[in-house]
Amino acid sequence: MTEGDTVADEVQLFYSELITLSGLLNDASTGLLASEAQMSGDDVGVGNPARRASLRLAMHSAFTQLGSSLASGSNGTLDLSSLLSSIANGNMDLDAELSGGN
């Protein structure tokens, strides 16, 4: 095995790790979107009997903020996943060069 083969093997391992991480981030984003969808709606599980209106409103506000955070996190993971995929896909020329291709 030559030094070039070792480098090519390391590059392939790097690509594999990037692709795996991209998939994991996609899965995480899907999970965040599912969680956000479950949190949508006005029913926070607390009725509105006497002296509970402020509790219901506080919980509704907290759930709304949490839903917004989940949506933002999902967008961030999708952006990061896309970046990892583009890095892995954009370096095919390097892989070809290390393997002796054009």
C-alpha atoms as a PDB file:
ATOM      1  CA  MET A   1       0.000   0.000   0.000  1.00  0.00           C
ATOM      2  CA  THR A   2       1.419   3.358  -1.009  1.00  0.00           C
ATOM      3  CA  GLU A   3       1.112   6.697   0.746  1.00  0.00           C
ATOM      4  CA  GLY A   4      -1.340   7.800  -1.963  1.00  0.00           C
ATOM      5  CA  ASP A   5      -3.574   4.813  -1.203  1.00  0.00           C
ATOM      6  CA  THR A   6      -3.555   5.706   2.483  1.00  0.00           C
ATOM      7  CA  VAL A   7      -4.549   9.296   1.742  1.00  0.00           C
ATOM      8  CA  ALA A   8      -7.280   8.125  -0.639  1.00  0.00           C
ATOM      9  CA  ASP A   9      -8.598   5.746   2.037  1.00  0.00           C
ATOM     10  CA  GLU A  10      -8.639   8.565   4.600  1.00  0.00           C
ATOM     11  CA  VAL A  11     -10.466  10.845   2.165  1.00  0.00           C
ATOM     12  CA  GLN A  12     -13.047   8.122   1.508  1.00  0.00           C
ATOM     13  CA  LEU A  13     -13.523   7.680   5.255  1.00  0.00           C
ATOM     14  CA  PHE A  14     -13.979  11.441   5.574  1.00  0.00           C
ATOM     15  CA  TYR A  15     -16.624  11.402   2.798  1.00  0.00           C
ATOM     16  CA  SER A  16     -18.414   8.519   4.494  1.00  0.00           C
ATOM     17  CA  GLU A  17     -18.457  10.365   7.800  1.00  0.00           C
ATOM     18  CA  LEU A  18     -19.790  13.536   6.148  1.00  0.00           C
ATOM     19  CA  ILE A  19     -22.561  11.617   4.424  1.00  0.00           C
ATOM     20  CA  THR A  20     -23.446   9.802   7.666  1.00  0.00           C
ATOM     21  CA  LEU A  21     -23.534  13.075   9.606  1.00  0.00           C
ATOM     22  CA  SER A  22     -25.654  14.680   6.912  1.00  0.00           C
ATOM     23  CA  GLY A  23     -28.161  11.826   7.214  1.00  0.00           C
ATOM     24  CA  LEU A  24     -28.215  12.094  10.996  1.00  0.00           C
ATOM     25  CA  LEU A  25     -28.857  15.826  10.755  1.00  0.00           C
ATOM     26  CA  ASN A  26     -31.689  15.205   8.310  1.00  0.00           C
ATOM     27  CA  ASP A  27     -33.188  12.725  10.777  1.00  0.00           C
ATOM     28  CA  ALA A  28     -32.834  15.221  13.618  1.00  0.00           C
ATOM     29  CA  SER A  29     -34.483  17.914  11.537  1.00  0.00           C
ATOM     30  CA  THR A  30     -37.386  15.613  10.736  1.00  0.00           C
ATOM     31  CA  GLY A  31     -37.766  14.855  14.443  1.00  0.00           C
ATOM     32  CA  LEU A  32     -37.785  18.550  15.277  1.00  0.00           C
ATOM     33  CA  LEU A  33     -40.422  19.223  12.643  1.00  0.00           C
ATOM     34  CA  ALA A  34     -42.571  16.383  14.003  1.00  0.00           C
ATOM     35  CA  SER A  35     -42.228  17.744  17.534  1.00  0.00           C
ATOM     36  CA  GLU A  36     -43.119  21.230  16.371  1.00  0.00           C
ATOM     37  CA  ALA A  37     -46.195  19.903  14.567  1.00  0.00           C
ATOM     38  CA  GLN A  38     -47.351  18.134  17.743  1.00  0.00           C
ATOM     39  CA  MET A  39     -47.019  21.376  19.672  1.00  0.00           C
ATOM     40  CA  SER A  40     -49.143  23.367  17.240  1.00  0.00           C
ATOM     41  CA  GLY A  41     -52.621  24.351  18.292  1.00  0.00           C
ATOM     42  CA  ASP A  42     -54.221  26.212  21.116  1.00  0.00           C
ATOM     43  CA  ASP A  43     -54.844  23.305  23.505  1.00  0.00           C
ATOM     44  CA  VAL A  44     -52.048  23.314  26.074  1.00  0.00           C
ATOM     45  CA  GLY A  45     -53.831  20.844  28.338  1.00  0.00           C
ATOM     46  CA  VAL A  46     -54.984  23.437  30.839  1.00  0.00           C
ATOM     47  CA  GLY A  47     -58.595  24.553  30.960  1.00  0.00           C
ATOM     48  CA  ASN A  48     -59.709  28.090  31.641  1.00  0.00           C
ATOM     49  CA  PRO A  49     -61.614  27.876  34.946  1.00  0.00           C
ATOM     50  CA  ALA A  50     -61.597  30.756  37.434  1.00  0.00           C
ATOM     51  CA  ARG A  51     -58.095  31.974  38.307  1.00  0.00           C
ATOM     52  CA  ARG A  52     -56.525  29.700  35.663  1.00  0.00           C
ATOM     53  CA  ALA A  53     -56.677  32.066  32.699  1.00  0.00           C
ATOM     54  CA  SER A  54     -53.217  33.452  33.451  1.00  0.00           C
ATOM     55  CA  LEU A  55     -51.803  29.915  33.728  1.00  0.00           C
ATOM     56  CA  ARG A  56     -53.345  28.929  30.385  1.00  0.00           C
ATOM     57  CA  LEU A  57     -52.035  32.084  28.731  1.00  0.00           C
ATOM     58  CA  ALA A  58     -48.549  31.591  30.219  1.00  0.00           C
ATOM     59  CA  MET A  59     -48.436  27.974  29.020  1.00  0.00           C
ATOM     60  CA  HIS A  60     -49.715  28.961  25.585  1.00  0.00           C
ATOM     61  CA  SER A  61     -46.978  31.590  25.338  1.00  0.00           C
ATOM     62  CA  ALA A  62     -44.308  29.098  26.465  1.00  0.00           C
ATOM     63  CA  PHE A  63     -45.513  26.460  23.967  1.00  0.00           C
ATOM     64  CA  THR A  64     -45.546  29.048  21.179  1.00  0.00           C
ATOM     65  CA  GLN A  65     -41.957  30.047  21.975  1.00  0.00           C
ATOM     66  CA  LEU A  66     -40.897  26.402  22.162  1.00  0.00           C
ATOM     67  CA  GLY A  67     -42.531  25.703  18.798  1.00  0.00           C
ATOM     68  CA  SER A  68     -40.684  28.644  17.253  1.00  0.00           C
ATOM     69  CA  SER A  69     -37.408  27.385  18.712  1.00  0.00           C
ATOM     70  CA  LEU A  70     -38.037  23.901  17.322  1.00  0.00           C
ATOM     71  CA  ALA A  71     -38.769  25.320  13.869  1.00  0.00           C
ATOM     72  CA  SER A  72     -35.594  27.442  13.991  1.00  0.00           C
ATOM     73  CA  GLY A  73     -33.537  24.453  15.112  1.00  0.00           C
ATOM     74  CA  SER A  74     -34.965  22.378  12.296  1.00  0.00           C
ATOM     75  CA  ASN A  75     -34.004  25.013   9.741  1.00  0.00           C
ATOM     76  CA  GLY A  76     -30.500  25.163  11.217  1.00  0.00           C
ATOM     77  CA  THR A  77     -30.011  21.406  11.018  1.00  0.00           C
ATOM     78  CA  LEU A  78     -31.244  21.361   7.421  1.00  0.00           C
ATOM     79  CA  ASP A  79     -28.791  24.134   6.526  1.00  0.00           C
ATOM     80  CA  LEU A  80     -25.924  22.299   8.212  1.00  0.00           C
ATOM     81  CA  SER A  81     -26.886  19.014   6.571  1.00  0.00           C
ATOM     82  CA  SER A  82     -26.950  20.711   3.181  1.00  0.00           C
ATOM     83  CA  LEU A  83     -23.524  22.221   3.829  1.00  0.00           C
ATOM     84  CA  LEU A  84     -22.059  18.831   4.799  1.00  0.00           C
ATOM     85  CA  SER A  85     -23.544  17.241   1.677  1.00  0.00           C
ATOM     86  CA  SER A  86     -22.120  19.959  -0.546  1.00  0.00           C
ATOM     87  CA  ILE A  87     -18.669  19.527   1.018  1.00  0.00           C
ATOM     88  CA  ALA A  88     -18.784  15.776   0.453  1.00  0.00           C
ATOM     89  CA  ASN A  89     -20.126  16.107  -3.093  1.00  0.00           C
ATOM     90  CA  GLY A  90     -17.983  19.084  -4.060  1.00  0.00           C
ATOM     91  CA  ASN A  91     -14.692  17.309  -3.447  1.00  0.00           C
ATOM     92  CA  MET A  92     -15.054  14.554  -6.025  1.00  0.00           C
ATOM     93  CA  ASP A  93     -12.260  16.159  -8.050  1.00  0.00           C
ATOM     94  CA  LEU A  94      -9.925  15.704  -5.092  1.00  0.00           C
ATOM     95  CA  ASP A  95     -10.949  12.068  -4.803  1.00  0.00           C
ATOM     96  CA  ALA A  96     -10.321  11.560  -8.516  1.00  0.00           C
ATOM     97  CA  GLU A  97      -6.945  13.260  -8.291  1.00  0.00           C
ATOM     98  CA  LEU A  98      -5.849  11.154  -5.311  1.00  0.00           C
ATOM     99  CA  SER A  99      -6.960   7.956  -6.995  1.00  0.00           C
ATOM    100  CA  GLY A 100      -5.037   8.829 -10.176  1.00  0.00           C
ATOM    101  CA  GLY A 101      -8.079   9.866 -12.238  1.00  0.00           C
ATOM    102  CA  ASN A 102      -8.390  13.015 -14.321  1.00  0.00           C
END
